[in-house]
């Protein structure tokens, strides 16, 4: 069985950001890059690259990441890894050439079947709607959060707002950094 891990940058009040832009739709977008950069605060990202056996993305995040990460030396390790895009509308012709093997999954049930296969961890970057849907289906095993010292009050979140039973999280790792960023690694269940 494979673990599904959502990883991302969040504000103290749970709003996610894409580094350096307003792509997540919040007027304060880009707060990750506006925070003092400390390499140690981003060490988690390198650890994740070493642990990732495949990427699991929603359509929007795939369309944002694929053209950038395909040619990025910082993300070279992802080039040949399998990628799975969960989308009801993406077609094979829409997939980017030159970024390794990519398959389209249409349903949460297909993600659940992929999770049951042998292999390493499946990492979700961005893909907030997908993260919420998989959480509601009890498919997310871990959250890797870099929490930034900002309050935004509104914006998109990776966390479900469905009225559901409590999900207990267990803190597996944490660290604080001089710039106010906090690393939080939680296992679900």
Protein backbone atom coordinates (compact mmCIF):
# COMPACT_ATOMS: atom_id res chain seq x y z
CA UNK A 1 0.00 0.00 0.00
CA UNK A 2 1.26 3.46 -0.91
CA UNK A 3 1.02 6.60 1.21
CA UNK A 4 -0.60 9.72 -0.20
CA UNK A 5 1.04 12.90 1.08
CA UNK A 6 -0.23 16.44 0.59
CA UNK A 7 2.56 18.97 0.82
CA UNK A 8 2.33 22.71 0.67
CA UNK A 9 2.70 26.18 2.06
CA UNK A 10 -0.09 27.37 4.36
CA UNK A 11 -0.85 30.44 6.42
CA UNK A 12 -1.60 30.12 10.11
CA UNK A 13 -5.31 30.15 9.23
CA UNK A 14 -4.96 27.37 6.64
CA UNK A 15 -4.88 29.27 3.36
CA UNK A 16 -2.54 27.78 0.74
CA UNK A 17 -0.24 29.80 -1.49
CA UNK A 18 1.71 29.15 -4.63
CA UNK A 19 5.22 30.49 -4.16
CA UNK A 20 5.68 33.89 -5.68
CA UNK A 21 2.36 34.58 -7.34
CA UNK A 22 -1.34 35.25 -6.94
CA UNK A 23 -2.16 31.96 -8.73
CA UNK A 24 -4.18 30.71 -5.78
CA UNK A 25 -6.62 33.57 -6.20
CA UNK A 26 -5.93 35.56 -3.03
CA UNK A 27 -5.15 39.27 -3.19
CA UNK A 28 -2.19 38.63 -0.88
CA UNK A 29 -0.82 35.78 -3.00
CA UNK A 30 2.93 35.40 -3.08
CA UNK A 31 3.49 35.62 0.67
CA UNK A 32 5.79 32.57 0.60
CA UNK A 33 8.41 34.44 -1.40
CA UNK A 34 7.80 37.64 0.56
CA UNK A 35 8.98 35.83 3.72
CA UNK A 36 12.70 35.97 4.50
CA UNK A 37 14.32 33.02 2.71
CA UNK A 38 16.17 30.59 4.96
CA UNK A 39 17.40 27.41 3.22
CA UNK A 40 16.83 25.32 6.32
CA UNK A 41 13.15 26.27 6.32
CA UNK A 42 12.77 24.64 2.91
CA UNK A 43 14.85 21.50 3.65
CA UNK A 44 11.58 19.54 3.85
CA UNK A 45 11.17 20.00 0.10
CA UNK A 46 14.49 18.22 -0.57
CA UNK A 47 13.49 15.39 1.78
CA UNK A 48 10.23 15.02 -0.12
CA UNK A 49 12.00 14.80 -3.46
CA UNK A 50 14.03 11.89 -2.12
CA UNK A 51 10.87 10.12 -0.88
CA UNK A 52 8.60 10.74 -3.88
CA UNK A 53 7.93 7.72 -6.08
CA UNK A 54 5.21 9.47 -8.12
CA UNK A 55 3.36 12.76 -8.34
CA UNK A 56 -0.40 13.00 -7.99
CA UNK A 57 -1.85 16.27 -9.29
CA UNK A 58 -5.13 17.91 -10.14
CA UNK A 59 -5.52 19.36 -13.62
CA UNK A 60 -4.84 23.00 -12.73
CA UNK A 61 -1.69 22.22 -10.76
CA UNK A 62 -0.49 19.89 -13.51
CA UNK A 63 -0.93 22.66 -16.09
CA UNK A 64 0.99 25.11 -13.87
CA UNK A 65 3.80 22.78 -12.72
CA UNK A 66 4.45 20.63 -15.81
CA UNK A 67 5.93 23.29 -18.13
CA UNK A 68 8.03 24.80 -15.31
CA UNK A 69 9.20 21.63 -13.55
CA UNK A 70 9.93 19.77 -16.79
CA UNK A 71 12.79 22.17 -17.55
CA UNK A 72 13.80 23.02 -13.97
CA UNK A 73 17.09 21.62 -12.69
CA UNK A 74 15.73 22.07 -9.16
CA UNK A 75 13.01 19.53 -10.02
CA UNK A 76 15.04 17.24 -12.28
CA UNK A 77 14.36 14.26 -10.01
CA UNK A 78 10.67 14.49 -10.99
CA UNK A 79 11.29 14.19 -14.74
CA UNK A 80 11.26 10.42 -14.99
CA UNK A 81 8.89 9.71 -12.11
CA UNK A 82 5.36 8.60 -12.94
CA UNK A 83 2.79 11.36 -12.80
CA UNK A 84 -0.94 10.88 -12.27
CA UNK A 85 -3.34 13.68 -13.10
CA UNK A 86 -6.82 13.42 -11.61
CA UNK A 87 -9.21 15.10 -14.03
CA UNK A 88 -12.53 14.46 -15.69
CA UNK A 89 -11.75 16.84 -18.56
CA UNK A 90 -8.03 16.48 -19.37
CA UNK A 91 -7.33 14.48 -22.54
CA UNK A 92 -4.21 12.55 -23.56
CA UNK A 93 -3.47 15.24 -26.18
CA UNK A 94 -3.32 17.83 -23.37
CA UNK A 95 -0.36 16.10 -21.66
CA UNK A 96 3.03 17.77 -21.91
CA UNK A 97 5.72 15.93 -23.87
CA UNK A 98 9.10 15.37 -22.28
CA UNK A 99 8.07 15.19 -18.63
CA UNK A 100 8.09 11.44 -18.16
CA UNK A 101 5.25 8.97 -17.92
CA UNK A 102 1.88 10.57 -17.20
CA UNK A 103 -1.49 8.87 -16.74
CA UNK A 104 -4.92 10.40 -16.32
CA UNK A 105 -7.15 9.17 -13.51
CA UNK A 106 -10.84 10.06 -13.71
CA UNK A 107 -12.20 9.23 -10.26
CA UNK A 108 -11.34 9.05 -6.58
CA UNK A 109 -11.90 5.29 -6.88
CA UNK A 110 -9.05 5.11 -9.40
CA UNK A 111 -6.83 6.98 -6.91
CA UNK A 112 -7.87 4.49 -4.20
CA UNK A 113 -6.88 1.61 -6.51
CA UNK A 114 -3.50 3.26 -7.24
CA UNK A 115 -2.94 3.67 -3.49
CA UNK A 116 -3.43 -0.09 -3.01
CA UNK A 117 -0.62 -0.92 -5.43
CA UNK A 118 2.94 -1.61 -4.34
CA UNK A 119 5.30 1.34 -4.50
CA UNK A 120 6.46 4.37 -2.62
CA UNK A 121 4.76 7.57 -1.60
CA UNK A 122 2.52 9.58 -3.92
CA UNK A 123 3.00 13.33 -3.37
CA UNK A 124 0.38 15.96 -4.06
CA UNK A 125 1.70 19.49 -4.63
CA UNK A 126 -0.90 22.24 -4.79
CA UNK A 127 -4.04 20.58 -6.14
CA UNK A 128 -6.24 21.93 -3.35
CA UNK A 129 -9.53 20.59 -4.67
CA UNK A 130 -7.96 17.17 -5.13
CA UNK A 131 -6.54 17.28 -1.59
CA UNK A 132 -9.99 18.03 -0.17
CA UNK A 133 -11.67 15.27 -2.21
CA UNK A 134 -9.06 12.69 -1.20
CA UNK A 135 -9.28 13.75 2.44
CA UNK A 136 -13.06 13.35 2.35
CA UNK A 137 -12.49 9.83 0.98
CA UNK A 138 -9.97 9.10 3.80
CA UNK A 139 -7.12 8.62 1.31
CA UNK A 140 -4.60 11.18 2.60
CA UNK A 141 -2.03 9.57 4.91
CA UNK A 142 0.24 12.52 5.73
CA UNK A 143 0.37 16.29 5.58
CA UNK A 144 3.72 18.04 5.09
CA UNK A 145 3.11 21.67 5.93
CA UNK A 146 5.33 24.70 5.94
CA UNK A 147 3.21 27.12 7.94
CA UNK A 148 4.00 30.79 7.43
CA UNK A 149 3.43 33.55 10.00
CA UNK A 150 0.57 35.26 8.22
CA UNK A 151 -3.20 35.46 8.71
CA UNK A 152 -5.22 35.99 5.55
CA UNK A 153 -8.81 35.48 6.63
CA UNK A 154 -9.91 34.14 3.26
CA UNK A 155 -8.54 32.04 0.45
CA UNK A 156 -8.28 28.49 -0.78
CA UNK A 157 -7.41 25.70 1.61
CA UNK A 158 -6.26 22.11 1.16
CA UNK A 159 -8.44 21.11 4.11
CA UNK A 160 -11.99 19.92 3.73
CA UNK A 161 -14.83 22.04 5.04
CA UNK A 162 -17.27 19.12 4.85
CA UNK A 163 -19.25 18.25 7.96
CA UNK A 164 -17.56 14.96 8.74
CA UNK A 165 -16.19 12.96 11.62
CA UNK A 166 -13.04 14.21 13.28
CA UNK A 167 -9.76 13.06 11.74
CA UNK A 168 -7.09 12.61 14.34
CA UNK A 169 -3.61 13.72 13.29
CA UNK A 170 -0.36 12.69 14.95
CA UNK A 171 2.60 15.03 14.90
CA UNK A 172 5.49 13.09 13.34
CA UNK A 173 7.98 15.95 12.96
CA UNK A 174 8.18 19.67 13.59
CA UNK A 175 10.70 22.45 13.56
CA UNK A 176 10.60 26.23 13.85
CA UNK A 177 12.81 28.65 11.97
CA UNK A 178 14.06 32.17 12.66
CA UNK A 179 11.83 33.62 9.91
CA UNK A 180 8.70 32.39 11.72
CA UNK A 181 8.04 29.44 9.41
CA UNK A 182 7.07 26.21 11.15
CA UNK A 183 7.50 22.74 9.63
CA UNK A 184 4.65 20.42 10.62
CA UNK A 185 4.50 16.80 9.48
CA UNK A 186 1.33 15.00 10.50
CA UNK A 187 0.18 11.44 9.94
CA UNK A 188 -3.55 10.86 9.64
CA UNK A 189 -5.27 8.36 11.90
